[in-house]
Structures are given as structure tokens and as C-alpha cells.
Amino acid sequence: MTLKNTEKSSVRSKKRCNSQFADFFGKLRYRAGQSRNDLVAELHTVIDPKSSLYKQVSDQLIKGIENGTRVKISCELLEALCKALKCTRQERAKMFLYAGHNVLVDDTNEPDDVAEMLHNIVDLLNTHVHGMLNIRLDGRHVQELDDKEQCELVLQALRLLQRHLERG
């Protein structure tokens, strides 16, 4: 049996995301100076002992995440990892992105109208002005920009998107 092109692309994308996530996760754990056992212990302090996730957290789970062999990472686990690793807001967003989740929804809430609207606008921006944003980055990495600079770029992109939509 052969995979269709879209299925092959999905598999490649999942592997790339797992690899990006594993690499980023490893950097965060290294920065925190935590062994796997240290991280497991810290996760047990941030996860509710009544949660089914609490019993799943182990050295093997962390090893699977680091090796990129753990395919699905729940929002609850992501939130716990971010707390245990003391991630910044931007690091949390990156963790969600690399794990294939939407940063607008966490383990405690469902998408609401605002999250849906923001998600739609981000999709429109990505579809219509992604190239312009790449040009405006001018070879810089997003990590080099502070929140204010990122907002300025996104505001420019929103203005372009608005003009595009007005033209129909």
C-alpha cells in the first residue's frame, strides 16, 4: 500500500515537528539544568495528582519526547512541561507550535469566539502576507525581535491584509 502525496506530506510534517519539538525541548531542559528524573519530580509538583497524566509521567515519557518518538503531546502535558521548565511566554508559544497545538487554547479551556477569530486572522496573515513578513525580517530571526518590534511588523502585515481584503 502506498501513501498519497497529502499523507506523505503529513508524515514528513509530523516528523519535522517532532524533531523541532524534541530539539527545542532538549534545549529548555538543558537550560533548566534538570536531569530526566529532576524533570519528572518537577512535573509531579505541577500536575494534579488526580489527573490521569500524573501516573503517565516517567523517565520513559521524557526520553520519548527528547527522541522525538512521542507523536502526540497533550495540551495538559505541554502546559505542565512549560511550568516545570519555567518557560517564558514566547517559549510556551513555541512549544505549542512545535507540538502542533494552538497556543490560543490550553488544558483548561475550549476555543471561544475570540480564539476562533484570532486563529482565522493568523491563517489569513499566513496565507496572504507571509512573504512580506519574511522580507521585512530581512534575514533576522524572530528571537532577535522584542514584542514591540514583532507587533510593529504584524501591524504592517494587518494593514496589507486589510487592503488585500478590501480589493476583494
C-alpha atoms as a PDB file:
ATOM      1  CA  MET A   1       0.000   0.000   0.000  1.00  0.00           C
ATOM      2  CA  THR A   2       1.366   3.436  -0.903  1.00  0.00           C
ATOM      3  CA  LEU A   3       0.733   6.750   0.766  1.00  0.00           C
ATOM      4  CA  LYS A   4      -0.970   9.536  -1.162  1.00  0.00           C
ATOM      5  CA  ASN A   5       1.017  12.764  -1.563  1.00  0.00           C
ATOM      6  CA  THR A   6      -1.001  14.526   1.158  1.00  0.00           C
ATOM      7  CA  GLU A   7      -0.435  11.606   3.536  1.00  0.00           C
ATOM      8  CA  LYS A   8       3.310  11.637   2.779  1.00  0.00           C
ATOM      9  CA  SER A   9       3.402  15.381   3.396  1.00  0.00           C
ATOM     10  CA  SER A  10       1.547  14.925   6.687  1.00  0.00           C
ATOM     11  CA  VAL A  11       4.015  12.243   7.813  1.00  0.00           C
ATOM     12  CA  ARG A  12       7.010  14.446   6.853  1.00  0.00           C
ATOM     13  CA  SER A  13       5.431  17.409   8.621  1.00  0.00           C
ATOM     14  CA  LYS A  14       4.794  15.342  11.776  1.00  0.00           C
ATOM     15  CA  LYS A  15       8.398  14.083  11.771  1.00  0.00           C
ATOM     16  CA  ARG A  16       9.716  17.628  11.271  1.00  0.00           C
ATOM     17  CA  CYS A  17       7.513  18.955  14.094  1.00  0.00           C
ATOM     18  CA  ASN A  18       8.580  16.101  16.390  1.00  0.00           C
ATOM     19  CA  SER A  19      12.221  16.811  15.584  1.00  0.00           C
ATOM     20  CA  GLN A  20      11.836  20.568  16.111  1.00  0.00           C
ATOM     21  CA  PHE A  21       9.927  19.974  19.322  1.00  0.00           C
ATOM     22  CA  ALA A  22      12.466  17.432  20.592  1.00  0.00           C
ATOM     23  CA  ASP A  23      15.379  19.774  19.839  1.00  0.00           C
ATOM     24  CA  PHE A  24      13.696  22.773  21.473  1.00  0.00           C
ATOM     25  CA  PHE A  25      12.550  20.732  24.465  1.00  0.00           C
ATOM     26  CA  GLY A  26      16.108  19.439  24.930  1.00  0.00           C
ATOM     27  CA  LYS A  27      17.487  22.990  24.903  1.00  0.00           C
ATOM     28  CA  LEU A  28      14.957  24.085  27.527  1.00  0.00           C
ATOM     29  CA  ARG A  29      15.715  21.107  29.771  1.00  0.00           C
ATOM     30  CA  TYR A  30      19.449  21.706  29.401  1.00  0.00           C
ATOM     31  CA  ARG A  31      18.996  25.386  30.255  1.00  0.00           C
ATOM     32  CA  ALA A  32      16.965  24.417  33.335  1.00  0.00           C
ATOM     33  CA  GLY A  33      19.776  22.070  34.372  1.00  0.00           C
ATOM     34  CA  GLN A  34      17.312  19.265  35.026  1.00  0.00           C
ATOM     35  CA  SER A  35      18.014  15.576  34.630  1.00  0.00           C
ATOM     36  CA  ARG A  36      15.100  13.474  33.397  1.00  0.00           C
ATOM     37  CA  ASN A  37      14.397  12.411  36.980  1.00  0.00           C
ATOM     38  CA  ASP A  38      14.518  16.049  38.147  1.00  0.00           C
ATOM     39  CA  LEU A  39      12.005  16.991  35.456  1.00  0.00           C
ATOM     40  CA  VAL A  40       9.722  14.078  36.371  1.00  0.00           C
ATOM     41  CA  ALA A  41       9.811  15.218  40.006  1.00  0.00           C
ATOM     42  CA  GLU A  42       9.051  18.816  38.997  1.00  0.00           C
ATOM     43  CA  LEU A  43       6.195  17.674  36.739  1.00  0.00           C
ATOM     44  CA  HIS A  44       4.718  15.798  39.685  1.00  0.00           C
ATOM     45  CA  THR A  45       4.606  19.101  41.586  1.00  0.00           C
ATOM     46  CA  VAL A  46       2.742  20.955  38.802  1.00  0.00           C
ATOM     47  CA  ILE A  47       0.327  18.195  37.702  1.00  0.00           C
ATOM     48  CA  ASP A  48      -2.735  17.454  39.808  1.00  0.00           C
ATOM     49  CA  PRO A  49      -2.204  14.000  41.390  1.00  0.00           C
ATOM     50  CA  LYS A  50      -5.839  13.178  40.496  1.00  0.00           C
ATOM     51  CA  SER A  51      -5.104  13.698  36.789  1.00  0.00           C
ATOM     52  CA  SER A  52      -4.532  10.595  34.669  1.00  0.00           C
ATOM     53  CA  LEU A  53      -1.428  12.345  33.300  1.00  0.00           C
ATOM     54  CA  TYR A  54       0.193  12.272  36.749  1.00  0.00           C
ATOM     55  CA  LYS A  55       0.694   8.484  36.590  1.00  0.00           C
ATOM     56  CA  GLN A  56       1.960   8.622  32.990  1.00  0.00           C
ATOM     57  CA  VAL A  57       4.841  10.988  33.770  1.00  0.00           C
ATOM     58  CA  SER A  58       8.055   8.979  33.865  1.00  0.00           C
ATOM     59  CA  ASP A  59      11.653   8.887  32.716  1.00  0.00           C
ATOM     60  CA  GLN A  60      10.462   6.915  29.662  1.00  0.00           C
ATOM     61  CA  LEU A  61       7.947   9.630  28.743  1.00  0.00           C
ATOM     62  CA  ILE A  62      10.654  12.322  28.870  1.00  0.00           C
ATOM     63  CA  LYS A  63      13.025  10.108  26.885  1.00  0.00           C
ATOM     64  CA  GLY A  64      10.344   9.597  24.209  1.00  0.00           C
ATOM     65  CA  ILE A  65       9.786  13.340  23.946  1.00  0.00           C
ATOM     66  CA  GLU A  66      13.513  14.029  23.649  1.00  0.00           C
ATOM     67  CA  ASN A  67      13.978  11.356  20.992  1.00  0.00           C
ATOM     68  CA  GLY A  68      11.009  12.641  19.001  1.00  0.00           C
ATOM     69  CA  THR A  69       9.313   9.237  19.225  1.00  0.00           C
ATOM     70  CA  ARG A  70       6.371  10.508  21.276  1.00  0.00           C
ATOM     71  CA  VAL A  71       3.976  11.506  18.492  1.00  0.00           C
ATOM     72  CA  LYS A  72       1.090  13.082  20.409  1.00  0.00           C
ATOM     73  CA  ILE A  73       1.653  15.503  23.262  1.00  0.00           C
ATOM     74  CA  SER A  74      -1.495  16.670  25.011  1.00  0.00           C
ATOM     75  CA  CYS A  75      -2.177  20.297  25.927  1.00  0.00           C
ATOM     76  CA  GLU A  76      -2.176  19.259  29.588  1.00  0.00           C
ATOM     77  CA  LEU A  77       1.317  17.767  29.260  1.00  0.00           C
ATOM     78  CA  LEU A  78       2.544  20.802  27.311  1.00  0.00           C
ATOM     79  CA  GLU A  79       1.281  23.198  29.978  1.00  0.00           C
ATOM     80  CA  ALA A  80       2.920  21.098  32.684  1.00  0.00           C
ATOM     81  CA  LEU A  81       6.220  20.955  30.787  1.00  0.00           C
ATOM     82  CA  CYS A  82       6.167  24.722  30.303  1.00  0.00           C
ATOM     83  CA  LYS A  83       5.570  25.277  34.014  1.00  0.00           C
ATOM     84  CA  ALA A  84       8.176  22.719  35.075  1.00  0.00           C
ATOM     85  CA  LEU A  85      10.763  24.200  32.709  1.00  0.00           C
ATOM     86  CA  LYS A  86       9.780  27.768  33.662  1.00  0.00           C
ATOM     87  CA  CYS A  87       9.227  28.747  30.036  1.00  0.00           C
ATOM     88  CA  THR A  88       8.780  32.340  29.008  1.00  0.00           C
ATOM     89  CA  ARG A  89       5.605  33.307  27.160  1.00  0.00           C
ATOM     90  CA  GLN A  90       7.446  33.074  23.835  1.00  0.00           C
ATOM     91  CA  GLU A  91       8.954  29.692  24.705  1.00  0.00           C
ATOM     92  CA  ARG A  92       5.474  28.431  25.647  1.00  0.00           C
ATOM     93  CA  ALA A  93       4.112  29.598  22.286  1.00  0.00           C
ATOM     94  CA  LYS A  94       6.983  27.845  20.506  1.00  0.00           C
ATOM     95  CA  MET A  95       6.374  24.624  22.446  1.00  0.00           C
ATOM     96  CA  PHE A  96       2.717  24.666  21.373  1.00  0.00           C
ATOM     97  CA  LEU A  97       3.651  25.460  17.768  1.00  0.00           C
ATOM     98  CA  TYR A  98       6.226  22.669  17.519  1.00  0.00           C
ATOM     99  CA  ALA A  99       3.842  20.195  19.167  1.00  0.00           C
ATOM    100  CA  GLY A 100       1.189  21.029  16.580  1.00  0.00           C
ATOM    101  CA  HIS A 101      -1.192  22.738  19.008  1.00  0.00           C
ATOM    102  CA  ASN A 102      -2.881  26.099  19.012  1.00  0.00           C
ATOM    103  CA  VAL A 103      -1.484  28.475  21.615  1.00  0.00           C
ATOM    104  CA  LEU A 104      -4.918  30.103  21.938  1.00  0.00           C
ATOM    105  CA  VAL A 105      -6.277  27.053  23.744  1.00  0.00           C
ATOM    106  CA  ASP A 106      -4.755  25.410  26.779  1.00  0.00           C
ATOM    107  CA  ASP A 107      -5.620  22.474  29.003  1.00  0.00           C
ATOM    108  CA  THR A 108      -8.192  24.468  30.963  1.00  0.00           C
ATOM    109  CA  ASN A 109     -10.449  25.917  28.278  1.00  0.00           C
ATOM    110  CA  GLU A 110     -12.117  25.288  24.971  1.00  0.00           C
ATOM    111  CA  PRO A 111     -11.759  27.620  21.986  1.00  0.00           C
ATOM    112  CA  ASP A 112     -14.071  30.599  22.326  1.00  0.00           C
ATOM    113  CA  ASP A 113     -15.145  33.207  19.767  1.00  0.00           C
ATOM    114  CA  VAL A 114     -12.044  35.338  20.372  1.00  0.00           C
ATOM    115  CA  ALA A 115      -9.702  32.368  19.942  1.00  0.00           C
ATOM    116  CA  GLU A 116     -11.538  31.377  16.754  1.00  0.00           C
ATOM    117  CA  MET A 117     -11.319  34.932  15.370  1.00  0.00           C
ATOM    118  CA  LEU A 118      -7.603  35.261  16.169  1.00  0.00           C
ATOM    119  CA  HIS A 119      -6.923  31.830  14.675  1.00  0.00           C
ATOM    120  CA  ASN A 120      -8.714  32.872  11.464  1.00  0.00           C
ATOM    121  CA  ILE A 121      -6.739  36.135  11.222  1.00  0.00           C
ATOM    122  CA  VAL A 122      -3.455  34.312  11.759  1.00  0.00           C
ATOM    123  CA  ASP A 123      -4.419  31.923   8.949  1.00  0.00           C
ATOM    124  CA  LEU A 124      -5.242  34.876   6.667  1.00  0.00           C
ATOM    125  CA  LEU A 125      -1.943  36.558   7.515  1.00  0.00           C
ATOM    126  CA  ASN A 126      -0.042  33.362   6.848  1.00  0.00           C
ATOM    127  CA  THR A 127      -1.859  32.845   3.551  1.00  0.00           C
ATOM    128  CA  HIS A 128      -1.677  36.367   2.158  1.00  0.00           C
ATOM    129  CA  VAL A 129       1.262  38.260   3.685  1.00  0.00           C
ATOM    130  CA  HIS A 130       3.707  35.581   4.849  1.00  0.00           C
ATOM    131  CA  GLY A 131       6.151  36.513   2.104  1.00  0.00           C
ATOM    132  CA  MET A 132       6.055  40.200   3.026  1.00  0.00           C
ATOM    133  CA  LEU A 133       6.828  39.378   6.651  1.00  0.00           C
ATOM    134  CA  ASN A 134       9.801  37.275   5.555  1.00  0.00           C
ATOM    135  CA  ILE A 135      11.103  40.194   3.505  1.00  0.00           C
ATOM    136  CA  ARG A 136      10.614  42.606   6.427  1.00  0.00           C
ATOM    137  CA  LEU A 137      12.501  40.259   8.758  1.00  0.00           C
ATOM    138  CA  ASP A 138      15.459  40.876   6.438  1.00  0.00           C
ATOM    139  CA  GLY A 139      17.348  37.746   7.475  1.00  0.00           C
ATOM    140  CA  ARG A 140      16.834  38.293  11.206  1.00  0.00           C
ATOM    141  CA  HIS A 141      15.459  35.526  13.393  1.00  0.00           C
ATOM    142  CA  VAL A 142      12.256  36.202  15.299  1.00  0.00           C
ATOM    143  CA  GLN A 143      14.146  35.587  18.551  1.00  0.00           C
ATOM    144  CA  GLU A 144      16.142  38.754  17.803  1.00  0.00           C
ATOM    145  CA  LEU A 145      12.970  40.877  17.895  1.00  0.00           C
ATOM    146  CA  ASP A 146      11.283  42.028  21.059  1.00  0.00           C
ATOM    147  CA  ASP A 147       7.489  42.022  21.412  1.00  0.00           C
ATOM    148  CA  LYS A 148       7.209  45.671  20.302  1.00  0.00           C
ATOM    149  CA  GLU A 149       9.156  45.037  17.076  1.00  0.00           C
ATOM    150  CA  GLN A 150       7.092  41.931  16.366  1.00  0.00           C
ATOM    151  CA  CYS A 151       3.870  43.910  16.917  1.00  0.00           C
ATOM    152  CA  GLU A 152       5.047  46.606  14.508  1.00  0.00           C
ATOM    153  CA  LEU A 153       5.693  44.012  11.807  1.00  0.00           C
ATOM    154  CA  VAL A 154       2.332  42.337  12.395  1.00  0.00           C
ATOM    155  CA  LEU A 155       0.540  45.700  12.297  1.00  0.00           C
ATOM    156  CA  GLN A 156       2.119  46.388   8.902  1.00  0.00           C
ATOM    157  CA  ALA A 157       1.020  42.940   7.782  1.00  0.00           C
ATOM    158  CA  LEU A 158      -2.524  43.547   9.064  1.00  0.00           C
ATOM    159  CA  ARG A 159      -2.730  46.800   7.094  1.00  0.00           C
ATOM    160  CA  LEU A 160      -1.609  44.979   3.948  1.00  0.00           C
ATOM    161  CA  LEU A 161      -4.088  42.196   4.604  1.00  0.00           C
ATOM    162  CA  GLN A 162      -6.888  44.699   5.125  1.00  0.00           C
ATOM    163  CA  ARG A 163      -6.093  46.392   1.782  1.00  0.00           C
ATOM    164  CA  HIS A 164      -5.988  42.971   0.103  1.00  0.00           C
ATOM    165  CA  LEU A 165      -9.403  42.038   1.514  1.00  0.00           C
ATOM    166  CA  GLU A 166     -10.931  45.414   0.573  1.00  0.00           C
ATOM    167  CA  ARG A 167      -9.872  44.881  -3.054  1.00  0.00           C
ATOM    168  CA  GLY A 168     -11.626  41.542  -2.948  1.00  0.00           C
END
